[in-house]
């Protein structure tokens, strides 16, 4: 049930917030720049009704403001939630994108 409580808190805030006040994590993830230099490749299914592609776009935009043209976003036409990874055409359509992102120098 904690997962659903956490998701409800995030939905009310409109973005990711910390749970249970772990001191290692900021209370509000958008109140400061990310504390990492990791590069993120965001993948979103265009038809994802569980986590709307808009959320991936907003997250990408946040990261883009922190470090321009370092991260990437792919919105995948015709894909929903988990079919991005386990869909019948994921190996053909999505896996090459993932491999390209993993091999991309940073």
N, C-alpha and C. Protein backbone atom coordinates (compact mmCIF):
# COMPACT_ATOMS: atom_id res chain seq x y z
N UNK A 1 0.80 -1.18 0.00
CA UNK A 1 0.00 0.00 0.00
C UNK A 1 0.86 1.27 0.00
N UNK A 2 2.10 1.17 0.47
CA UNK A 2 2.97 2.34 0.53
C UNK A 2 3.21 2.92 -0.86
N UNK A 3 3.32 2.04 -1.84
CA UNK A 3 3.53 2.52 -3.21
C UNK A 3 2.41 3.46 -3.62
N UNK A 4 1.19 3.06 -3.36
CA UNK A 4 0.04 3.87 -3.75
C UNK A 4 -0.04 5.17 -2.95
N UNK A 5 0.35 5.11 -1.68
CA UNK A 5 0.41 6.33 -0.87
C UNK A 5 1.45 7.29 -1.44
N UNK A 6 2.60 6.74 -1.82
CA UNK A 6 3.66 7.57 -2.40
C UNK A 6 3.21 8.18 -3.73
N UNK A 7 2.59 7.39 -4.57
CA UNK A 7 2.11 7.91 -5.86
C UNK A 7 1.06 9.01 -5.64
N UNK A 8 0.20 8.83 -4.64
CA UNK A 8 -0.82 9.84 -4.34
C UNK A 8 -0.16 11.14 -3.89
N UNK A 9 0.88 11.04 -3.07
CA UNK A 9 1.61 12.25 -2.63
C UNK A 9 2.22 12.97 -3.84
N UNK A 10 2.82 12.22 -4.72
CA UNK A 10 3.43 12.81 -5.91
C UNK A 10 2.37 13.45 -6.81
N UNK A 11 1.25 12.79 -6.97
CA UNK A 11 0.18 13.34 -7.80
C UNK A 11 -0.34 14.65 -7.23
N UNK A 12 -0.51 14.70 -5.92
CA UNK A 12 -0.97 15.94 -5.30
C UNK A 12 0.01 17.08 -5.51
N UNK A 13 1.31 16.79 -5.46
CA UNK A 13 2.34 17.80 -5.65
C UNK A 13 2.58 18.12 -7.12
N UNK A 14 2.29 17.15 -7.99
CA UNK A 14 2.52 17.35 -9.42
C UNK A 14 3.92 16.98 -9.87
N UNK A 15 4.69 16.39 -8.97
CA UNK A 15 6.05 15.93 -9.29
C UNK A 15 6.53 14.99 -8.18
N UNK A 16 7.69 14.39 -8.40
CA UNK A 16 8.24 13.41 -7.47
C UNK A 16 8.66 14.07 -6.16
N UNK A 17 8.19 13.50 -5.07
CA UNK A 17 8.59 13.95 -3.74
C UNK A 17 9.11 12.74 -2.96
N UNK A 18 9.92 13.01 -1.96
CA UNK A 18 10.52 11.95 -1.16
C UNK A 18 9.47 11.28 -0.29
N UNK A 19 9.80 10.09 0.15
CA UNK A 19 8.92 9.35 1.04
C UNK A 19 9.65 9.12 2.37
N UNK A 20 8.92 9.20 3.45
CA UNK A 20 9.42 8.89 4.79
C UNK A 20 10.64 9.70 5.20
N UNK A 21 10.87 10.83 4.57
CA UNK A 21 11.93 11.76 4.97
C UNK A 21 13.31 11.11 5.10
N UNK A 22 13.70 10.31 4.12
CA UNK A 22 15.06 9.78 4.12
C UNK A 22 16.03 10.95 3.99
N UNK A 23 16.96 11.08 4.90
CA UNK A 23 17.86 12.23 4.90
C UNK A 23 18.77 12.25 3.67
N UNK A 24 18.94 11.12 3.02
CA UNK A 24 19.77 11.05 1.82
C UNK A 24 19.08 11.68 0.61
N UNK A 25 17.78 11.85 0.69
CA UNK A 25 17.00 12.36 -0.44
C UNK A 25 16.43 13.73 -0.12
N UNK A 26 16.33 14.57 -1.14
CA UNK A 26 15.65 15.85 -0.90
C UNK A 26 14.17 15.62 -0.66
N UNK A 27 13.55 16.47 0.13
CA UNK A 27 12.11 16.33 0.39
C UNK A 27 11.32 16.54 -0.88
N UNK A 28 11.83 17.41 -1.75
CA UNK A 28 11.16 17.75 -3.01
C UNK A 28 12.22 17.71 -4.12
N UNK A 29 12.07 16.81 -5.05
CA UNK A 29 13.12 16.56 -6.04
C UNK A 29 13.31 17.68 -7.06
N UNK A 30 12.34 18.58 -7.19
CA UNK A 30 12.51 19.66 -8.16
C UNK A 30 12.91 20.98 -7.50
N UNK A 31 13.16 20.96 -6.21
CA UNK A 31 13.54 22.18 -5.50
C UNK A 31 15.02 22.50 -5.67
N UNK A 32 15.77 21.58 -6.25
CA UNK A 32 17.21 21.78 -6.46
C UNK A 32 17.65 20.96 -7.66
N UNK A 33 18.80 21.31 -8.22
CA UNK A 33 19.30 20.50 -9.35
C UNK A 33 19.61 19.07 -8.90
N UNK A 34 19.57 18.12 -9.83
CA UNK A 34 19.92 16.74 -9.48
C UNK A 34 21.34 16.67 -8.92
N UNK A 35 21.54 15.79 -7.97
CA UNK A 35 22.87 15.62 -7.37
C UNK A 35 23.60 14.46 -8.03
N UNK A 36 23.61 14.47 -9.34
CA UNK A 36 24.31 13.45 -10.11
C UNK A 36 24.70 14.03 -11.45
N UNK A 37 25.73 13.46 -12.04
CA UNK A 37 26.07 13.85 -13.40
C UNK A 37 25.68 12.73 -14.38
N UNK A 38 24.87 11.78 -13.90
CA UNK A 38 24.40 10.69 -14.76
C UNK A 38 23.57 11.25 -15.91
N UNK A 39 23.67 10.59 -17.04
CA UNK A 39 22.86 10.96 -18.22
C UNK A 39 21.64 10.05 -18.24
N UNK A 40 20.48 10.65 -18.46
CA UNK A 40 19.23 9.90 -18.47
C UNK A 40 18.65 9.85 -19.87
N UNK A 41 18.20 8.67 -20.27
CA UNK A 41 17.48 8.48 -21.52
C UNK A 41 16.04 8.14 -21.13
N UNK A 42 15.14 9.06 -21.37
CA UNK A 42 13.74 8.87 -21.01
C UNK A 42 13.01 8.22 -22.18
N UNK A 43 12.28 7.16 -21.91
CA UNK A 43 11.46 6.46 -22.90
C UNK A 43 10.01 6.53 -22.43
N UNK A 44 9.13 6.91 -23.33
CA UNK A 44 7.72 6.99 -22.97
C UNK A 44 6.88 6.42 -24.09
N UNK A 45 5.96 5.55 -23.74
CA UNK A 45 4.99 5.08 -24.71
C UNK A 45 3.95 6.16 -24.94
N UNK A 46 3.72 6.49 -26.18
CA UNK A 46 2.75 7.53 -26.53
C UNK A 46 1.36 7.23 -25.98
N UNK A 47 1.03 5.95 -25.87
CA UNK A 47 -0.29 5.53 -25.42
C UNK A 47 -0.29 5.07 -23.96
N UNK A 48 0.73 5.41 -23.21
CA UNK A 48 0.84 4.99 -21.83
C UNK A 48 -0.21 5.72 -20.98
N UNK A 49 -1.17 4.98 -20.48
CA UNK A 49 -2.22 5.57 -19.64
C UNK A 49 -1.88 5.44 -18.16
N UNK A 50 -0.82 4.69 -17.83
CA UNK A 50 -0.40 4.52 -16.44
C UNK A 50 0.48 5.69 -16.01
N UNK A 51 1.53 5.96 -16.78
CA UNK A 51 2.41 7.12 -16.58
C UNK A 51 2.38 7.90 -17.89
N UNK A 52 1.64 8.96 -17.91
CA UNK A 52 1.43 9.72 -19.14
C UNK A 52 2.74 10.22 -19.73
N UNK A 53 2.85 10.20 -21.06
CA UNK A 53 4.07 10.70 -21.70
C UNK A 53 4.40 12.13 -21.28
N UNK A 54 3.39 12.90 -20.94
CA UNK A 54 3.62 14.27 -20.47
C UNK A 54 4.53 14.29 -19.25
N UNK A 55 4.42 13.28 -18.39
CA UNK A 55 5.28 13.25 -17.20
C UNK A 55 6.74 13.05 -17.59
N UNK A 56 6.98 12.20 -18.59
CA UNK A 56 8.35 12.02 -19.07
C UNK A 56 8.86 13.31 -19.72
N UNK A 57 7.99 13.97 -20.46
CA UNK A 57 8.36 15.23 -21.10
C UNK A 57 8.71 16.28 -20.05
N UNK A 58 7.91 16.39 -19.02
CA UNK A 58 8.17 17.37 -17.96
C UNK A 58 9.48 17.05 -17.23
N UNK A 59 9.73 15.78 -16.98
CA UNK A 59 10.97 15.39 -16.32
C UNK A 59 12.17 15.69 -17.22
N UNK A 60 12.04 15.33 -18.49
CA UNK A 60 13.11 15.65 -19.45
C UNK A 60 13.35 17.16 -19.49
N UNK A 61 12.31 17.95 -19.53
CA UNK A 61 12.45 19.41 -19.57
C UNK A 61 13.20 19.92 -18.34
N UNK A 62 12.89 19.35 -17.17
CA UNK A 62 13.59 19.72 -15.94
C UNK A 62 15.08 19.43 -16.07
N UNK A 63 15.41 18.22 -16.52
CA UNK A 63 16.81 17.85 -16.68
C UNK A 63 17.48 18.68 -17.78
N UNK A 64 16.75 18.99 -18.81
CA UNK A 64 17.27 19.80 -19.92
C UNK A 64 17.65 21.21 -19.40
N UNK A 65 16.87 21.74 -18.49
CA UNK A 65 17.18 23.06 -17.93
C UNK A 65 18.45 23.01 -17.08
N UNK A 66 18.73 21.84 -16.51
CA UNK A 66 19.91 21.71 -15.66
C UNK A 66 21.18 21.53 -16.50
N UNK A 67 21.06 20.74 -17.58
CA UNK A 67 22.21 20.43 -18.44
C UNK A 67 21.70 20.22 -19.86
N UNK A 68 21.73 21.25 -20.63
CA UNK A 68 21.14 21.27 -21.98
C UNK A 68 21.81 20.25 -22.91
N UNK A 69 20.95 19.54 -23.65
CA UNK A 69 21.37 18.57 -24.67
C UNK A 69 22.25 17.44 -24.15
N UNK A 70 22.12 17.11 -22.89
CA UNK A 70 22.87 16.01 -22.31
C UNK A 70 22.01 14.75 -22.22
N UNK A 71 20.75 14.92 -21.90
CA UNK A 71 19.81 13.82 -21.74
C UNK A 71 19.01 13.65 -23.03
N UNK A 72 18.21 12.59 -23.08
CA UNK A 72 17.39 12.38 -24.28
C UNK A 72 15.99 11.93 -23.89
N UNK A 73 15.08 12.13 -24.82
CA UNK A 73 13.68 11.70 -24.64
C UNK A 73 13.21 11.08 -25.94
N UNK A 74 12.61 9.91 -25.83
CA UNK A 74 11.98 9.24 -26.97
C UNK A 74 10.54 8.93 -26.60
N UNK A 75 9.60 9.51 -27.32
CA UNK A 75 8.18 9.16 -27.15
C UNK A 75 7.87 8.18 -28.28
N UNK A 76 7.48 6.98 -27.90
CA UNK A 76 7.34 5.86 -28.84
C UNK A 76 5.90 5.71 -29.31
N UNK A 77 5.65 6.01 -30.58
CA UNK A 77 4.29 5.93 -31.14
C UNK A 77 3.71 4.51 -31.03
N UNK A 78 2.47 4.43 -30.62
CA UNK A 78 1.77 3.15 -30.57
C UNK A 78 2.09 2.30 -29.36
N UNK A 79 3.00 2.74 -28.51
CA UNK A 79 3.37 1.96 -27.34
C UNK A 79 2.68 2.49 -26.09
N UNK A 80 2.38 1.56 -25.18
CA UNK A 80 1.75 1.91 -23.93
C UNK A 80 2.75 1.88 -22.80
N UNK A 81 2.42 1.19 -21.73
CA UNK A 81 3.25 1.17 -20.53
C UNK A 81 4.36 0.13 -20.65
N UNK A 82 4.12 -1.08 -20.25
CA UNK A 82 5.17 -2.10 -20.24
C UNK A 82 5.51 -2.66 -21.61
N UNK A 83 4.65 -2.45 -22.60
CA UNK A 83 4.97 -2.99 -23.92
C UNK A 83 6.19 -2.30 -24.53
N UNK A 84 6.64 -1.19 -23.94
CA UNK A 84 7.91 -0.58 -24.36
C UNK A 84 9.03 -1.60 -24.18
N UNK A 85 8.92 -2.43 -23.15
CA UNK A 85 9.96 -3.42 -22.87
C UNK A 85 9.58 -4.84 -23.26
N UNK A 86 8.29 -5.18 -23.17
CA UNK A 86 7.90 -6.57 -23.42
C UNK A 86 6.86 -6.70 -24.52
N UNK A 87 6.64 -5.64 -25.27
CA UNK A 87 5.67 -5.70 -26.36
C UNK A 87 6.15 -6.58 -27.50
N UNK A 88 5.22 -7.01 -28.33
CA UNK A 88 5.57 -7.96 -29.41
C UNK A 88 6.58 -7.38 -30.39
N UNK A 89 6.64 -6.06 -30.56
CA UNK A 89 7.60 -5.46 -31.48
C UNK A 89 8.68 -4.65 -30.77
N UNK A 90 8.78 -4.78 -29.46
CA UNK A 90 9.76 -4.01 -28.70
C UNK A 90 11.19 -4.31 -29.15
N UNK A 91 11.48 -5.57 -29.43
CA UNK A 91 12.86 -5.92 -29.85
C UNK A 91 13.22 -5.20 -31.14
N UNK A 92 12.26 -5.03 -32.01
CA UNK A 92 12.51 -4.36 -33.30
C UNK A 92 12.50 -2.84 -33.16
N UNK A 93 11.53 -2.31 -32.40
CA UNK A 93 11.31 -0.86 -32.37
C UNK A 93 12.04 -0.14 -31.24
N UNK A 94 12.13 -0.78 -30.08
CA UNK A 94 12.61 -0.08 -28.90
C UNK A 94 14.03 -0.48 -28.51
N UNK A 95 14.35 -1.76 -28.57
CA UNK A 95 15.67 -2.20 -28.13
C UNK A 95 16.82 -1.52 -28.86
N UNK A 96 16.72 -1.27 -30.17
CA UNK A 96 17.80 -0.53 -30.83
C UNK A 96 17.98 0.88 -30.26
N UNK A 97 16.91 1.51 -29.86
CA UNK A 97 17.00 2.84 -29.25
C UNK A 97 17.72 2.74 -27.91
N UNK A 98 17.37 1.73 -27.13
CA UNK A 98 18.02 1.53 -25.83
C UNK A 98 19.51 1.28 -26.03
N UNK A 99 19.87 0.41 -26.97
CA UNK A 99 21.27 0.13 -27.23
C UNK A 99 22.03 1.39 -27.67
N UNK A 100 21.40 2.16 -28.53
CA UNK A 100 22.01 3.41 -28.99
C UNK A 100 22.26 4.36 -27.81
N UNK A 101 21.31 4.45 -26.92
CA UNK A 101 21.47 5.31 -25.75
C UNK A 101 22.58 4.80 -24.82
N UNK A 102 22.67 3.48 -24.64
CA UNK A 102 23.71 2.91 -23.79
C UNK A 102 25.10 3.14 -24.39
N UNK A 103 25.18 3.15 -25.71
CA UNK A 103 26.49 3.32 -26.37
C UNK A 103 26.85 4.78 -26.61
N UNK A 104 25.89 5.68 -26.38
CA UNK A 104 26.12 7.11 -26.61
C UNK A 104 27.16 7.63 -25.62
N UNK A 105 28.20 8.28 -26.13
CA UNK A 105 29.20 8.84 -25.19
C UNK A 105 28.59 10.00 -24.40
N UNK A 106 29.10 10.19 -23.23
CA UNK A 106 28.62 11.30 -22.39
C UNK A 106 29.74 12.10 -21.80
